[in-house]
Amino acid sequence: MNIEIRNATIDDIEEIWNMVYALAVFENDEKQVITSIESYKDDFAKNAFEVIIAYDSNSNDICGMMLFFNAFSTWKGRMVYLDDFFVKEKYRRLGVGQLLFDYLINIAKQRDASMVKWQVLDWNENAVRFYEKNNAFIDKDWWNCGIRLK
């Protein structure tokens, strides 16, 4: 296996959506997914988000992905928001996640971002350990809020 990282293309969108859905299933929240592959393609074409993917260059299989976008914090300035991070089960514990994570951190540095921000579920102990290993801070003081429009 030879894992490489690259920017996603429109041809990768169906597989990306499938991984996002698999993540929602893992999080026991798939009923909240209201997007479609077509809406992903449309929004990707409009630069609403970016995706980096890890793939096995020997088999050309996509192993994992990170979906992110540029954001702005009134307190911190430019930042990159990581919305979804997923590695397929058969590729876990092989360093794929670390390759993706490091690649995203470098993107954020190149963009002169002050931080990369994301959320993690409190019960996802493997993810929490991964982020702590990478010196991430986990802020437990703020609650998530939102208004659903669709």
C-alpha atoms as a PDB file:
ATOM      1  CA  MET A   1       0.000   0.000   0.000  1.00  0.00           C
ATOM      2  CA  ASN A   2       1.272   3.455  -0.937  1.00  0.00           C
ATOM      3  CA  ILE A   3      -0.853   6.246   0.557  1.00  0.00           C
ATOM      4  CA  GLU A   4      -0.850   9.665  -1.108  1.00  0.00           C
ATOM      5  CA  ILE A   5      -2.825  12.833  -0.433  1.00  0.00           C
ATOM      6  CA  ARG A   6      -4.397  15.013  -3.113  1.00  0.00           C
ATOM      7  CA  ASN A   7      -7.100  17.600  -3.600  1.00  0.00           C
ATOM      8  CA  ALA A   8     -10.448  16.092  -4.496  1.00  0.00           C
ATOM      9  CA  THR A   9     -12.004  16.578  -7.901  1.00  0.00           C
ATOM     10  CA  ILE A  10     -15.631  16.547  -8.967  1.00  0.00           C
ATOM     11  CA  ASP A  11     -15.163  12.880  -9.903  1.00  0.00           C
ATOM     12  CA  ASP A  12     -14.495  12.080  -6.212  1.00  0.00           C
ATOM     13  CA  ILE A  13     -17.664  13.706  -4.881  1.00  0.00           C
ATOM     14  CA  GLU A  14     -19.864  10.600  -4.836  1.00  0.00           C
ATOM     15  CA  GLU A  15     -17.298   8.685  -2.773  1.00  0.00           C
ATOM     16  CA  ILE A  16     -16.850  11.715  -0.489  1.00  0.00           C
ATOM     17  CA  TRP A  17     -20.605  11.922   0.113  1.00  0.00           C
ATOM     18  CA  ASN A  18     -20.642   8.180   0.858  1.00  0.00           C
ATOM     19  CA  MET A  19     -17.913   8.656   3.469  1.00  0.00           C
ATOM     20  CA  VAL A  20     -19.774  11.594   5.030  1.00  0.00           C
ATOM     21  CA  TYR A  21     -22.876   9.412   5.238  1.00  0.00           C
ATOM     22  CA  ALA A  22     -20.827   6.575   6.773  1.00  0.00           C
ATOM     23  CA  LEU A  23     -19.569   9.058   9.376  1.00  0.00           C
ATOM     24  CA  ALA A  24     -23.157  10.075  10.151  1.00  0.00           C
ATOM     25  CA  VAL A  25     -24.044   6.385  10.614  1.00  0.00           C
ATOM     26  CA  PHE A  26     -21.036   5.962  12.926  1.00  0.00           C
ATOM     27  CA  GLU A  27     -22.263   8.969  14.918  1.00  0.00           C
ATOM     28  CA  ASN A  28     -25.784   7.434  15.107  1.00  0.00           C
ATOM     29  CA  ASP A  29     -27.197  10.509  13.369  1.00  0.00           C
ATOM     30  CA  GLU A  30     -27.769   9.563   9.727  1.00  0.00           C
ATOM     31  CA  LYS A  31     -31.345  10.887   9.869  1.00  0.00           C
ATOM     32  CA  GLN A  32     -29.853  14.403  10.021  1.00  0.00           C
ATOM     33  CA  VAL A  33     -28.244  14.063   6.571  1.00  0.00           C
ATOM     34  CA  ILE A  34     -30.352  16.092   4.143  1.00  0.00           C
ATOM     35  CA  THR A  35     -27.724  16.630   1.445  1.00  0.00           C
ATOM     36  CA  SER A  36     -27.409  14.597  -1.727  1.00  0.00           C
ATOM     37  CA  ILE A  37     -24.601  13.683  -4.049  1.00  0.00           C
ATOM     38  CA  GLU A  38     -25.991  16.198  -6.539  1.00  0.00           C
ATOM     39  CA  SER A  39     -26.076  19.001  -3.966  1.00  0.00           C
ATOM     40  CA  TYR A  40     -22.471  18.154  -3.040  1.00  0.00           C
ATOM     41  CA  LYS A  41     -21.432  18.344  -6.691  1.00  0.00           C
ATOM     42  CA  ASP A  42     -23.192  21.686  -7.087  1.00  0.00           C
ATOM     43  CA  ASP A  43     -21.683  23.182  -3.924  1.00  0.00           C
ATOM     44  CA  PHE A  44     -18.228  21.785  -4.705  1.00  0.00           C
ATOM     45  CA  ALA A  45     -18.376  23.406  -8.149  1.00  0.00           C
ATOM     46  CA  LYS A  46     -19.294  26.697  -6.428  1.00  0.00           C
ATOM     47  CA  ASN A  47     -16.243  26.389  -4.115  1.00  0.00           C
ATOM     48  CA  ALA A  48     -18.418  26.159  -0.991  1.00  0.00           C
ATOM     49  CA  PHE A  49     -15.981  23.627   0.453  1.00  0.00           C
ATOM     50  CA  GLU A  50     -12.750  21.802  -0.301  1.00  0.00           C
ATOM     51  CA  VAL A  51     -11.744  18.206   0.254  1.00  0.00           C
ATOM     52  CA  ILE A  52      -8.418  16.452   0.504  1.00  0.00           C
ATOM     53  CA  ILE A  53      -8.402  12.718   0.043  1.00  0.00           C
ATOM     54  CA  ALA A  54      -6.001   9.950   0.939  1.00  0.00           C
ATOM     55  CA  TYR A  55      -5.749   7.222  -1.644  1.00  0.00           C
ATOM     56  CA  ASP A  56      -3.750   4.075  -2.223  1.00  0.00           C
ATOM     57  CA  SER A  57      -1.815   4.801  -5.411  1.00  0.00           C
ATOM     58  CA  ASN A  58      -1.380   1.066  -6.013  1.00  0.00           C
ATOM     59  CA  SER A  59      -5.111   0.345  -6.153  1.00  0.00           C
ATOM     60  CA  ASN A  60      -6.407   3.918  -6.588  1.00  0.00           C
ATOM     61  CA  ASP A  61      -8.818   3.250  -3.677  1.00  0.00           C
ATOM     62  CA  ILE A  62      -9.839   6.308  -1.675  1.00  0.00           C
ATOM     63  CA  CYS A  63      -8.948   5.583   1.952  1.00  0.00           C
ATOM     64  CA  GLY A  64     -10.169   8.697   3.720  1.00  0.00           C
ATOM     65  CA  MET A  65     -10.956  12.371   3.428  1.00  0.00           C
ATOM     66  CA  MET A  66     -11.153  15.742   5.136  1.00  0.00           C
ATOM     67  CA  LEU A  67     -13.835  18.233   4.112  1.00  0.00           C
ATOM     68  CA  PHE A  68     -13.053  21.820   5.126  1.00  0.00           C
ATOM     69  CA  PHE A  69     -13.572  25.470   4.250  1.00  0.00           C
ATOM     70  CA  ASN A  70     -12.103  28.864   5.018  1.00  0.00           C
ATOM     71  CA  ALA A  71     -13.693  30.675   7.920  1.00  0.00           C
ATOM     72  CA  PHE A  72     -13.144  33.806   9.954  1.00  0.00           C
ATOM     73  CA  SER A  73     -13.105  34.387  13.690  1.00  0.00           C
ATOM     74  CA  THR A  74     -13.631  37.906  15.001  1.00  0.00           C
ATOM     75  CA  TRP A  75     -11.237  37.060  17.815  1.00  0.00           C
ATOM     76  CA  LYS A  76      -8.654  34.971  15.950  1.00  0.00           C
ATOM     77  CA  GLY A  77      -8.825  36.091  12.303  1.00  0.00           C
ATOM     78  CA  ARG A  78      -8.495  33.699   9.382  1.00  0.00           C
ATOM     79  CA  MET A  79      -9.011  30.058  10.153  1.00  0.00           C
ATOM     80  CA  VAL A  80      -9.769  26.766   8.462  1.00  0.00           C
ATOM     81  CA  TYR A  81     -12.841  24.896   9.633  1.00  0.00           C
ATOM     82  CA  LEU A  82     -12.618  21.110   9.405  1.00  0.00           C
ATOM     83  CA  ASP A  83     -16.169  19.866   9.042  1.00  0.00           C
ATOM     84  CA  ASP A  84     -15.651  16.151   8.399  1.00  0.00           C
ATOM     85  CA  PHE A  85     -12.693  13.823   8.847  1.00  0.00           C
ATOM     86  CA  PHE A  86     -13.169  10.174   7.926  1.00  0.00           C
ATOM     87  CA  VAL A  87     -10.904   7.201   7.299  1.00  0.00           C
ATOM     88  CA  LYS A  88     -12.437   3.967   6.031  1.00  0.00           C
ATOM     89  CA  GLU A  89     -12.306   1.236   8.626  1.00  0.00           C
ATOM     90  CA  LYS A  90      -9.897  -1.064   6.774  1.00  0.00           C
ATOM     91  CA  TYR A  91      -7.372   1.811   6.552  1.00  0.00           C
ATOM     92  CA  ARG A  92      -7.514   2.873  10.205  1.00  0.00           C
ATOM     93  CA  ARG A  93      -4.446   2.513  12.401  1.00  0.00           C
ATOM     94  CA  LEU A  94      -2.190   2.643   9.322  1.00  0.00           C
ATOM     95  CA  GLY A  95      -1.266   6.340   9.580  1.00  0.00           C
ATOM     96  CA  VAL A  96      -3.781   7.536   6.988  1.00  0.00           C
ATOM     97  CA  GLY A  97      -5.500   9.899   9.420  1.00  0.00           C
ATOM     98  CA  GLN A  98      -2.185  11.411  10.482  1.00  0.00           C
ATOM     99  CA  LEU A  99      -1.197  12.019   6.847  1.00  0.00           C
ATOM    100  CA  LEU A 100      -4.492  13.803   6.194  1.00  0.00           C
ATOM    101  CA  PHE A 101      -4.265  15.804   9.424  1.00  0.00           C
ATOM    102  CA  ASP A 102      -0.706  16.944   8.754  1.00  0.00           C
ATOM    103  CA  TYR A 103      -1.617  17.894   5.183  1.00  0.00           C
ATOM    104  CA  LEU A 104      -4.521  20.047   6.382  1.00  0.00           C
ATOM    105  CA  ILE A 105      -2.372  21.762   9.004  1.00  0.00           C
ATOM    106  CA  ASN A 106       0.102  22.660   6.251  1.00  0.00           C
ATOM    107  CA  ILE A 107      -2.713  24.062   4.092  1.00  0.00           C
ATOM    108  CA  ALA A 108      -3.816  26.242   7.008  1.00  0.00           C
ATOM    109  CA  LYS A 109      -0.249  27.468   7.564  1.00  0.00           C
ATOM    110  CA  GLN A 110       0.130  28.312   3.866  1.00  0.00           C
ATOM    111  CA  ARG A 111      -3.074  30.351   4.098  1.00  0.00           C
ATOM    112  CA  ASP A 112      -1.707  32.181   7.134  1.00  0.00           C
ATOM    113  CA  ALA A 113      -4.609  30.940   9.246  1.00  0.00           C
ATOM    114  CA  SER A 114      -4.459  31.523  12.969  1.00  0.00           C
ATOM    115  CA  MET A 115      -6.061  28.165  13.726  1.00  0.00           C
ATOM    116  CA  VAL A 116      -7.801  25.053  12.479  1.00  0.00           C
ATOM    117  CA  LYS A 117     -11.075  24.411  14.254  1.00  0.00           C
ATOM    118  CA  TRP A 118     -13.438  21.423  14.387  1.00  0.00           C
ATOM    119  CA  GLN A 119     -15.801  19.508  16.649  1.00  0.00           C
ATOM    120  CA  VAL A 120     -15.493  16.061  18.173  1.00  0.00           C
ATOM    121  CA  LEU A 121     -18.137  14.016  19.958  1.00  0.00           C
ATOM    122  CA  ASP A 122     -17.299  13.499  23.613  1.00  0.00           C
ATOM    123  CA  TRP A 123     -17.879   9.738  23.376  1.00  0.00           C
ATOM    124  CA  ASN A 124     -15.508   9.266  20.411  1.00  0.00           C
ATOM    125  CA  GLU A 125     -12.526   8.335  22.558  1.00  0.00           C
ATOM    126  CA  ASN A 126     -10.313   7.290  19.640  1.00  0.00           C
ATOM    127  CA  ALA A 127     -10.771  10.668  17.966  1.00  0.00           C
ATOM    128  CA  VAL A 128     -10.199  12.551  21.221  1.00  0.00           C
ATOM    129  CA  ARG A 129      -6.953  10.628  21.815  1.00  0.00           C
ATOM    130  CA  PHE A 130      -5.836  11.339  18.230  1.00  0.00           C
ATOM    131  CA  TYR A 131      -6.441  15.074  18.643  1.00  0.00           C
ATOM    132  CA  GLU A 132      -4.776  15.178  22.066  1.00  0.00           C
ATOM    133  CA  LYS A 133      -1.765  13.346  20.599  1.00  0.00           C
ATOM    134  CA  ASN A 134      -1.583  16.156  18.045  1.00  0.00           C
ATOM    135  CA  ASN A 135      -1.625  18.843  20.779  1.00  0.00           C
ATOM    136  CA  ALA A 136      -5.152  20.037  20.003  1.00  0.00           C
ATOM    137  CA  PHE A 137      -7.044  21.955  22.640  1.00  0.00           C
ATOM    138  CA  ILE A 138     -10.525  20.679  23.401  1.00  0.00           C
ATOM    139  CA  ASP A 139     -12.743  23.488  24.633  1.00  0.00           C
ATOM    140  CA  LYS A 140     -15.553  22.082  26.745  1.00  0.00           C
ATOM    141  CA  ASP A 141     -16.924  25.484  27.783  1.00  0.00           C
ATOM    142  CA  TRP A 142     -18.845  26.399  24.619  1.00  0.00           C
ATOM    143  CA  TRP A 143     -22.099  24.785  23.513  1.00  0.00           C
ATOM    144  CA  ASN A 144     -23.034  24.266  19.874  1.00  0.00           C
ATOM    145  CA  CYS A 145     -25.953  26.349  18.658  1.00  0.00           C
ATOM    146  CA  GLY A 146     -27.734  26.675  15.328  1.00  0.00           C
ATOM    147  CA  ILE A 147     -30.969  27.238  13.490  1.00  0.00           C
ATOM    148  CA  ARG A 148     -32.008  24.585  10.966  1.00  0.00           C
ATOM    149  CA  LEU A 149     -33.362  26.146   7.782  1.00  0.00           C
ATOM    150  CA  LYS A 150     -33.970  22.911   5.861  1.00  0.00           C
END
